[in-house]
Protein backbone atom coordinates (compact mmCIF):
# COMPACT_ATOMS: atom_id res chain seq x y z
CA UNK A 1 57.74 50.20 272.72
CA UNK A 2 59.36 51.47 275.92
CA UNK A 3 62.74 51.80 274.21
CA UNK A 4 61.21 54.00 271.49
CA UNK A 5 59.59 56.26 274.10
CA UNK A 6 62.89 56.63 275.98
CA UNK A 7 64.69 57.50 272.73
CA UNK A 8 62.05 60.16 271.95
CA UNK A 9 62.55 61.74 275.39
CA UNK A 10 66.33 61.63 274.91
CA UNK A 11 66.08 63.40 271.53
CA UNK A 12 63.63 66.01 272.88
CA UNK A 13 65.85 66.65 275.91
CA UNK A 14 68.94 66.95 273.69
CA UNK A 15 67.18 69.44 271.40
CA UNK A 16 65.98 71.51 274.36
CA UNK A 17 69.54 71.63 275.77
CA UNK A 18 70.91 72.72 272.39
CA UNK A 19 68.26 75.44 272.15
CA UNK A 20 69.12 76.66 275.65
CA UNK A 21 72.83 76.80 274.74
CA UNK A 22 72.10 78.68 271.50
CA UNK A 23 69.75 81.14 273.18
């Protein structure tokens, strides 16, 4: 379960970084 949570945070963080770069 912990691994899944960490992966979710990684994906969310990656998306937020991409959004920041685009904006």
